[in-house]
Structures are given as C-alpha cells and as structure tokens.
C-alpha cells in the first residue's frame, strides 16, 4: 500500500520541509526558447515592454516579461521564460506536461520598476513567479494545473499589504486556450499556468473538497485572475459552527 499523503479531496500532498534542495547549478538562458516564448506572448497578449533578466541563475535562468496594460487587456501581465528550459519530473503518464511557464496578472496601477521592487509589497508577485518557476528543478518534482504552493506550512501572508498566502496554478481563462499551450516541437509542449493567490482558508477548502469547490466559490464571488490584495475571502468561515 502506498504511503503517499493524500488530502481529504483525494489528491496527493507533497511536503518538502525536510527535503534538501539540489546544490547550486549555474544556468544561462536558452535563446531559442526565449525567442519562442517572447513571440508567443506578443501574439496572444501584447508587445513586451521590458524583460527583467536574472544576473545569477540557479538551475534555470528565469526572466520576467512585462506587458503593459492595453485596451484589450487593461492590466499588467508578467510572464516567465526559462522554467521550461529543463523538463520537470512528472508522474508516469503525464510526460506531455514536463514543460511549463507561469504568468501573473496585476492591476493597472501596480508599481512596476526597479525602485518600486525594493519594496516587498510591490515585489512579491515577481518573487513568487521566480520561486515557483525554479522550485521543480530544485526539488526534482513538478507543478501543474490545480496545484497549490503555500508560503510556508501555515500560508503566511506574502507581504504586509495583504493576507493572501498561497498560490494556485490554473489555466488562464482571460487569455484563452490558444495562449495556454506553445508547441516547440514534437517532443516539447510548454504549458502556461496563471498564478492565483489564495487565502489560507481557500487553500484548506481546496484540500478538503477539491479544486472545483473552490472555483465554484470564485464564480459566486466573481473573483478575477487579476490580483486584488484585499479581495473577499471566499472560504471565510460562517455560521454558528464555522462551517464553509
């Protein structure tokens, strides 16, 4: 019998508190991969305003591509490149999901520049793009649709200006299916996942009842993919017995 820890919703839980990450391994970007991803971003989202390049990279070279708000997409979009330079260690049967990149959507008034990023209240979405993009390569694991990654065991708030403390990976409904997958060749399809910040209670609801239960809550409260530091907590406990 497998000793794999499972959530109440029947999904596996992976813990890495006691796992030692792989040793530092310097990396440089794959120019062909970067070009393909850049073209994909500009085709489906808009012109890239700026690319934030890493100076020193461990395992994979993660760049952040910034697309400014437009009439069609009136918000800031940040998209990674480099996560897909190496394949992830996916379970057997999921080989088609070995390569991934991430995006995150920020309000049009979010402060995006080098000076602003000195403040963690502005920088934390970038930090988490980089953290999750590098994570599977550091720990010989994978991330994919519906996975949640908390900020520590107790999903501590990402920064002082929010109580959100967990990231969930979902396909972006804002950009549609054509953006979700980029075919590089017969052996490599890159899947783009949107990072959706969660409250601790929402993470626990997802673990207890599954992703669909949480997404139903999102539909009910009309939760957007665009980050709102102070949005409603859709899984806040209510009623006499504190039930969801």
Protein backbone atom coordinates (compact mmCIF):
# COMPACT_ATOMS: atom_id res chain seq x y z
CA UNK A 1 0.00 0.00 0.00
CA UNK A 2 1.31 3.47 -0.88
CA UNK A 3 2.33 5.75 1.99
CA UNK A 4 1.64 8.84 -0.13
CA UNK A 5 -0.11 11.51 1.97
CA UNK A 6 -3.48 12.42 0.49
CA UNK A 7 -5.83 15.37 1.04
CA UNK A 8 -9.45 14.80 2.01
CA UNK A 9 -10.36 15.57 -1.60
CA UNK A 10 -8.24 12.60 -2.72
CA UNK A 11 -5.28 14.50 -4.16
CA UNK A 12 -1.66 13.83 -3.19
CA UNK A 13 0.11 16.20 -0.79
CA UNK A 14 3.84 16.67 -1.24
CA UNK A 15 5.92 18.12 1.58
CA UNK A 16 9.45 19.47 1.19
CA UNK A 17 10.25 20.85 4.65
CA UNK A 18 12.80 18.11 5.29
CA UNK A 19 13.99 17.78 1.68
CA UNK A 20 17.38 19.25 0.85
CA UNK A 21 17.26 21.10 -2.49
CA UNK A 22 19.77 20.30 -5.19
CA UNK A 23 23.08 22.09 -4.96
CA UNK A 24 23.53 25.37 -6.81
CA UNK A 25 23.95 24.84 -10.52
CA UNK A 26 24.62 27.94 -12.65
CA UNK A 27 22.41 28.35 -15.69
CA UNK A 28 22.13 30.51 -18.76
CA UNK A 29 19.02 31.04 -20.85
CA UNK A 30 18.12 29.04 -23.94
CA UNK A 31 17.92 31.74 -26.64
CA UNK A 32 15.66 29.72 -28.92
CA UNK A 33 13.26 29.02 -26.08
CA UNK A 34 13.24 32.69 -25.03
CA UNK A 35 12.53 33.83 -28.59
CA UNK A 36 9.66 31.37 -28.99
CA UNK A 37 8.10 32.41 -25.69
CA UNK A 38 8.53 36.11 -26.46
CA UNK A 39 6.80 35.67 -29.82
CA UNK A 40 4.01 33.71 -28.11
CA UNK A 41 3.47 36.46 -25.52
CA UNK A 42 3.34 39.20 -28.14
CA UNK A 43 0.99 37.21 -30.36
CA UNK A 44 -1.57 36.50 -27.64
CA UNK A 45 -1.18 39.30 -25.07
CA UNK A 46 0.68 42.28 -26.50
CA UNK A 47 4.07 43.92 -27.03
CA UNK A 48 6.66 43.24 -24.34
CA UNK A 49 7.56 46.49 -22.62
CA UNK A 50 10.57 45.20 -20.70
CA UNK A 51 12.31 41.98 -19.70
CA UNK A 52 13.72 41.66 -16.18
CA UNK A 53 16.81 39.50 -16.56
CA UNK A 54 18.43 37.50 -13.80
CA UNK A 55 22.06 38.33 -13.07
CA UNK A 56 22.90 34.97 -11.46
CA UNK A 57 20.72 31.93 -12.11
CA UNK A 58 20.41 28.61 -10.28
CA UNK A 59 19.32 25.53 -12.31
CA UNK A 60 17.33 27.61 -14.83
CA UNK A 61 17.64 31.22 -15.98
CA UNK A 62 14.31 32.89 -15.16
CA UNK A 63 13.42 36.12 -16.96
CA UNK A 64 10.23 38.07 -16.36
CA UNK A 65 8.50 39.59 -19.40
CA UNK A 66 6.30 42.62 -18.69
CA UNK A 67 3.36 43.52 -20.92
CA UNK A 68 1.77 46.87 -20.05
CA UNK A 69 -1.99 47.38 -19.83
CA UNK A 70 -3.81 47.71 -23.15
CA UNK A 71 -7.36 48.37 -24.30
CA UNK A 72 -7.91 44.63 -24.75
CA UNK A 73 -6.16 43.61 -21.51
CA UNK A 74 -6.33 46.60 -19.09
CA UNK A 75 -3.90 45.19 -16.54
CA UNK A 76 -0.20 44.39 -16.20
CA UNK A 77 0.91 40.92 -17.25
CA UNK A 78 4.12 39.26 -16.09
CA UNK A 79 5.22 36.04 -17.82
CA UNK A 80 8.25 33.86 -17.11
CA UNK A 81 10.68 32.34 -19.55
CA UNK A 82 13.30 29.79 -18.56
CA UNK A 83 11.28 27.44 -16.39
CA UNK A 84 10.75 25.31 -19.49
CA UNK A 85 14.46 25.15 -20.34
CA UNK A 86 14.50 21.90 -18.37
CA UNK A 87 11.81 19.21 -18.06
CA UNK A 88 10.07 18.68 -14.74
CA UNK A 89 9.93 15.28 -13.01
CA UNK A 90 6.28 14.48 -13.75
CA UNK A 91 4.47 11.27 -12.74
CA UNK A 92 4.30 8.45 -15.25
CA UNK A 93 1.70 9.14 -17.91
CA UNK A 94 1.99 12.94 -17.66
CA UNK A 95 5.05 13.32 -19.86
CA UNK A 96 3.22 15.87 -22.01
CA UNK A 97 3.26 18.24 -19.02
CA UNK A 98 7.01 18.24 -18.38
CA UNK A 99 7.49 21.82 -19.58
CA UNK A 100 5.79 24.86 -18.06
CA UNK A 101 5.91 28.62 -17.70
CA UNK A 102 3.98 30.95 -15.42
CA UNK A 103 2.14 34.25 -15.61
CA UNK A 104 0.52 36.59 -13.13
CA UNK A 105 -1.92 39.47 -13.67
CA UNK A 106 -1.53 42.73 -11.77
CA UNK A 107 -3.81 45.80 -11.58
CA UNK A 108 -3.01 48.62 -13.98
CA UNK A 109 -1.84 50.83 -11.08
CA UNK A 110 0.63 48.26 -9.68
CA UNK A 111 4.07 49.82 -9.30
CA UNK A 112 6.48 48.12 -11.70
CA UNK A 113 10.05 49.43 -11.80
CA UNK A 114 13.39 48.72 -10.14
CA UNK A 115 12.84 51.26 -7.36
CA UNK A 116 9.33 50.03 -6.59
CA UNK A 117 10.56 46.43 -6.45
CA UNK A 118 12.76 47.31 -3.49
CA UNK A 119 9.51 47.24 -1.52
CA UNK A 120 8.23 43.69 -0.92
CA UNK A 121 4.67 45.00 -1.11
CA UNK A 122 5.31 45.56 -4.81
CA UNK A 123 7.80 42.77 -5.47
CA UNK A 124 6.13 39.68 -4.02
CA UNK A 125 4.34 38.61 -7.25
CA UNK A 126 7.70 38.65 -9.04
CA UNK A 127 9.35 36.76 -6.21
CA UNK A 128 6.71 34.04 -6.42
CA UNK A 129 6.94 33.73 -10.18
CA UNK A 130 10.66 33.07 -9.75
CA UNK A 131 10.23 30.84 -6.70
CA UNK A 132 7.68 28.52 -8.29
CA UNK A 133 9.44 28.52 -11.68
CA UNK A 134 12.64 27.27 -10.04
CA UNK A 135 11.03 25.03 -7.43
CA UNK A 136 10.50 21.84 -9.51
CA UNK A 137 14.10 21.93 -10.71
CA UNK A 138 15.49 22.41 -7.22
CA UNK A 139 13.48 19.56 -5.72
CA UNK A 140 13.16 17.11 -8.64
CA UNK A 141 9.38 17.45 -8.70
CA UNK A 142 6.72 19.16 -10.78
CA UNK A 143 3.90 21.69 -10.65
CA UNK A 144 0.75 21.75 -12.74
CA UNK A 145 -2.91 22.60 -13.08
CA UNK A 146 -4.68 22.90 -9.73
CA UNK A 147 -1.54 22.63 -7.59
CA UNK A 148 -1.26 24.88 -4.55
CA UNK A 149 2.01 26.12 -3.05
CA UNK A 150 1.69 27.86 0.35
CA UNK A 151 4.01 30.45 1.79
CA UNK A 152 5.29 28.08 4.47
CA UNK A 153 3.29 25.44 6.30
CA UNK A 154 0.74 28.00 7.55
CA UNK A 155 0.42 30.02 4.34
CA UNK A 156 1.77 33.20 5.89
CA UNK A 157 0.84 36.45 4.09
CA UNK A 158 3.06 37.26 1.13
CA UNK A 159 3.63 40.83 2.30
CA UNK A 160 2.43 43.43 4.81
CA UNK A 161 -0.24 44.77 2.45
CA UNK A 162 -2.18 41.51 2.01
CA UNK A 163 -3.38 38.42 3.85
CA UNK A 164 -3.08 36.24 0.74
CA UNK A 165 -0.53 33.50 1.41
CA UNK A 166 -0.80 30.64 -1.10
CA UNK A 167 -0.51 30.28 -4.88
CA UNK A 168 -2.74 28.11 -7.05
CA UNK A 169 -1.88 27.24 -10.66
CA UNK A 170 -4.69 27.45 -13.19
CA UNK A 171 -5.04 27.82 -16.94
CA UNK A 172 -5.79 31.43 -17.81
CA UNK A 173 -9.38 31.94 -18.96
CA UNK A 174 -8.52 35.58 -19.67
CA UNK A 175 -6.09 34.75 -22.48
CA UNK A 176 -7.87 31.63 -23.70
CA UNK A 177 -6.80 28.18 -24.83
CA UNK A 178 -4.51 29.35 -27.63
CA UNK A 179 -2.23 31.01 -25.09
CA UNK A 180 -2.24 28.04 -22.73
CA UNK A 181 0.00 25.78 -24.83
CA UNK A 182 3.02 26.56 -27.02
CA UNK A 183 4.27 23.74 -29.22
CA UNK A 184 8.03 23.98 -29.65
CA UNK A 185 8.48 20.63 -31.43
CA UNK A 186 7.17 17.06 -31.37
CA UNK A 187 8.83 16.46 -28.01
CA UNK A 188 8.13 19.76 -26.28
CA UNK A 189 4.86 21.49 -25.45
CA UNK A 190 5.06 24.38 -22.99
CA UNK A 191 2.02 24.81 -20.76
CA UNK A 192 1.36 28.28 -19.34
CA UNK A 193 -0.20 28.47 -15.88
CA UNK A 194 -1.63 31.57 -14.23
CA UNK A 195 -0.77 32.10 -10.56
CA UNK A 196 -3.86 32.83 -8.46
CA UNK A 197 -3.17 33.98 -4.88
CA UNK A 198 -5.31 32.35 -2.20
CA UNK A 199 -6.12 32.89 1.44
CA UNK A 200 -5.20 30.10 3.83
CA UNK A 201 -8.89 29.20 4.26
CA UNK A 202 -9.29 28.86 0.49
CA UNK A 203 -6.29 26.56 0.34
CA UNK A 204 -7.78 24.40 3.10
CA UNK A 205 -11.12 24.29 1.30
CA UNK A 206 -9.40 23.15 -1.88
CA UNK A 207 -7.52 20.43 0.02
CA UNK A 208 -10.70 19.28 1.73
CA UNK A 209 -13.21 19.40 -1.12
CA UNK A 210 -11.15 19.77 -4.30
CA UNK A 211 -10.46 22.48 -6.85
CA UNK A 212 -13.99 22.54 -8.23
CA UNK A 213 -15.42 23.50 -4.84
CA UNK A 214 -13.05 26.46 -4.62
CA UNK A 215 -13.68 27.50 -8.22
CA UNK A 216 -17.43 27.44 -7.51
CA UNK A 217 -16.73 29.93 -4.73
CA UNK A 218 -14.71 32.06 -7.14
CA UNK A 219 -17.63 32.06 -9.58
CA UNK A 220 -20.06 33.01 -6.83
CA UNK A 221 -17.97 35.98 -5.71
CA UNK A 222 -16.78 36.85 -9.25
CA UNK A 223 -13.10 36.53 -8.38
CA UNK A 224 -10.86 37.76 -11.19
CA UNK A 225 -7.43 36.47 -12.19
CA UNK A 226 -6.15 39.99 -11.59
CA UNK A 227 -4.57 40.25 -8.15
CA UNK A 228 -6.56 42.17 -5.55
CA UNK A 229 -4.65 42.34 -2.27
CA UNK A 230 -7.82 42.86 -0.27
CA UNK A 231 -10.39 40.82 -2.17
CA UNK A 232 -13.10 38.90 -0.35
CA UNK A 233 -12.04 35.64 1.28
CA UNK A 234 -14.41 33.22 -0.44
CA UNK A 235 -13.86 30.49 2.15
CA UNK A 236 -14.13 32.55 5.30
CA UNK A 237 -15.92 30.54 7.94
CA UNK A 238 -19.53 31.48 8.52
CA UNK A 239 -22.41 30.40 10.70
CA UNK A 240 -22.72 29.13 14.23
CA UNK A 241 -20.33 26.21 13.81
CA UNK A 242 -17.88 27.92 11.48
CA UNK A 243 -18.75 25.68 8.54
CA UNK A 244 -17.99 26.57 4.90
